[in-house]
Protein backbone atom coordinates (compact mmCIF):
# COMPACT_ATOMS: atom_id res chain seq x y z
CA MET A 1 -21.24 -40.46 -38.95
CA ARG A 2 -17.68 -40.17 -40.22
CA PRO A 3 -18.22 -36.71 -41.88
CA LEU A 4 -19.69 -35.41 -38.62
CA ILE A 5 -16.59 -36.51 -36.70
CA CYS A 6 -14.32 -34.88 -39.31
CA VAL A 7 -16.23 -31.61 -39.18
CA THR A 8 -16.15 -31.61 -35.37
CA LEU A 9 -12.41 -32.28 -35.28
CA ALA A 10 -11.78 -29.55 -37.86
CA MET A 11 -13.84 -27.13 -35.80
CA PHE A 12 -11.72 -27.80 -32.70
CA TRP A 13 -8.52 -27.60 -34.74
CA PHE A 14 -9.24 -24.16 -36.29
CA ALA A 15 -11.27 -22.50 -33.52
CA PRO A 16 -8.51 -21.70 -30.94
CA PRO A 17 -6.36 -19.58 -33.30
CA LEU A 18 -9.41 -17.69 -34.47
CA LEU A 19 -10.62 -17.09 -30.93
CA ALA A 20 -7.16 -16.00 -29.79
CA GLN A 21 -7.08 -13.12 -32.26
CA THR A 22 -8.09 -9.85 -30.63
CA GLN A 23 -9.08 -6.66 -32.31
CA GLN A 24 -6.59 -3.88 -31.75
CA PRO A 25 -8.30 -0.51 -31.24
CA THR A 26 -7.48 2.15 -33.77
CA ALA A 27 -5.66 5.27 -32.62
CA ASP A 28 -8.97 7.12 -32.64
CA GLN A 29 -10.70 4.51 -30.45
CA SER A 30 -7.89 4.07 -27.92
CA THR A 31 -7.85 7.72 -26.82
CA ARG A 32 -11.59 8.35 -26.98
CA SER A 33 -13.41 8.57 -23.63
CA GLU A 34 -16.79 6.91 -23.21
CA ALA A 35 -18.31 10.19 -22.10
CA PRO A 36 -17.30 13.61 -23.39
CA THR A 37 -14.84 15.38 -21.10
CA PRO A 38 -15.50 19.03 -20.31
CA ALA A 39 -13.02 21.36 -22.00
CA ALA A 40 -12.33 23.11 -18.69
CA LEU A 41 -10.52 20.05 -17.33
CA PRO A 42 -6.82 20.14 -18.26
CA GLY A 43 -4.84 17.12 -19.37
CA VAL A 44 -5.41 14.38 -21.87
CA ARG A 45 -8.04 11.96 -20.57
CA ALA A 46 -7.79 8.26 -21.33
CA ASN A 47 -9.67 5.08 -20.55
CA GLN A 48 -6.55 3.26 -19.43
CA THR A 49 -2.97 3.85 -18.36
CA GLY A 50 -0.15 3.62 -20.86
CA GLY A 51 2.69 1.18 -21.27
CA GLY A 52 5.83 0.80 -19.24
CA ASP A 53 8.90 2.84 -18.54
CA ARG A 54 12.56 1.90 -18.12
CA GLN A 55 12.14 0.83 -14.49
CA ASN A 56 8.98 -1.22 -15.03
CA PRO A 57 8.66 -2.11 -18.73
CA GLU A 58 5.48 -4.17 -18.36
CA PRO A 59 3.34 -2.56 -15.63
CA HIS A 60 -0.31 -3.35 -15.06
CA ILE A 61 -2.55 -1.34 -17.39
CA TYR A 62 -5.26 0.23 -15.29
CA LYS A 63 -8.66 1.06 -16.77
CA ARG A 64 -11.36 3.40 -15.54
CA GLY A 65 -13.69 1.51 -13.24
CA GLU A 66 -10.90 -0.75 -11.96
CA HIS A 67 -9.57 -0.65 -8.37
CA ILE A 68 -5.99 0.43 -7.74
CA SER A 69 -3.74 -2.03 -5.88
CA ARG A 70 -0.16 -1.96 -4.60
CA SER A 71 0.23 -5.53 -5.82
CA TYR A 72 0.56 -4.11 -9.36
CA GLY A 73 3.31 -1.67 -8.37
CA GLU A 74 3.92 1.41 -6.34
CA PHE A 75 2.00 4.66 -6.75
CA ASP A 76 2.31 8.01 -5.01
CA VAL A 77 -0.52 10.12 -3.60
CA VAL A 78 -0.48 13.59 -5.19
CA ASP A 79 -1.34 16.22 -2.56
CA ASP A 80 -0.29 19.24 -4.66
CA TRP A 81 -2.67 18.48 -7.56
CA SER A 82 -2.76 22.11 -8.79
CA ARG A 83 1.01 22.06 -9.38
CA PHE A 84 0.47 19.32 -11.97
CA HIS A 85 -2.49 21.14 -13.56
CA LEU A 86 -5.01 18.63 -12.24
CA THR A 87 -8.51 19.54 -11.17
CA GLN A 88 -9.40 19.64 -7.51
CA PRO A 89 -10.52 16.16 -6.50
CA PRO A 90 -13.96 15.68 -4.94
CA ALA A 91 -14.02 15.32 -1.14
CA ASP A 92 -14.21 11.52 -1.40
CA SER A 93 -11.30 11.17 -3.87
CA HIS A 94 -7.60 11.92 -4.32
CA TRP A 95 -5.07 11.91 -7.17
CA VAL A 96 -2.28 9.32 -7.36
CA LYS A 97 0.62 9.08 -9.80
CA TYR A 98 1.20 5.67 -11.35
CA GLY A 99 3.94 5.54 -13.98
CA GLU A 100 3.32 8.34 -16.46
CA ASN A 101 -0.34 8.78 -15.47
CA TYR A 102 -2.41 10.49 -12.82
CA LEU A 103 -5.38 8.50 -11.53
CA LEU A 104 -8.33 10.02 -9.69
CA VAL A 105 -9.18 7.39 -7.08
CA LYS A 106 -12.02 7.07 -4.57
CA THR A 107 -10.45 7.23 -1.11
CA ASP A 108 -12.60 4.55 0.50
CA SER A 109 -12.70 1.92 -2.26
CA GLY A 110 -9.73 2.64 -4.57
CA LEU A 111 -12.07 2.87 -7.59
CA ILE A 112 -10.41 4.70 -10.53
CA THR A 113 -12.74 7.37 -11.90
CA GLU A 114 -10.36 9.37 -14.16
CA ILE A 115 -7.03 8.81 -15.88
CA VAL A 116 -4.89 11.74 -17.04
CA LYS A 117 -1.65 11.28 -18.96
CA ALA A 118 1.24 13.22 -17.41
CA SER A 119 2.56 15.91 -19.71
């Protein structure tokens, strides 16, 4: 019985640090899209927004499939998308600028369908 208690205690002692370690994606994995992006679409596509800037050093990092929210910081609707070399959004979507990224967002739900790094 005593060895079983020692093994159980050791398991609880060593498990949290091992579980807390996360795998960092390699440079190749962090910029790769899940689906191939057509070459006709300008801009560098990404699966998530980048890090902060001087005004907001730790902003929320948005990912494709997430919903945009003003509670994570301000964003601006981009009406002149062609000026920034963005593709024309579908009728049910619009572009917004958040930090150094452009997000293609569904108008009715706020669902992020594309992320383009500003150049």
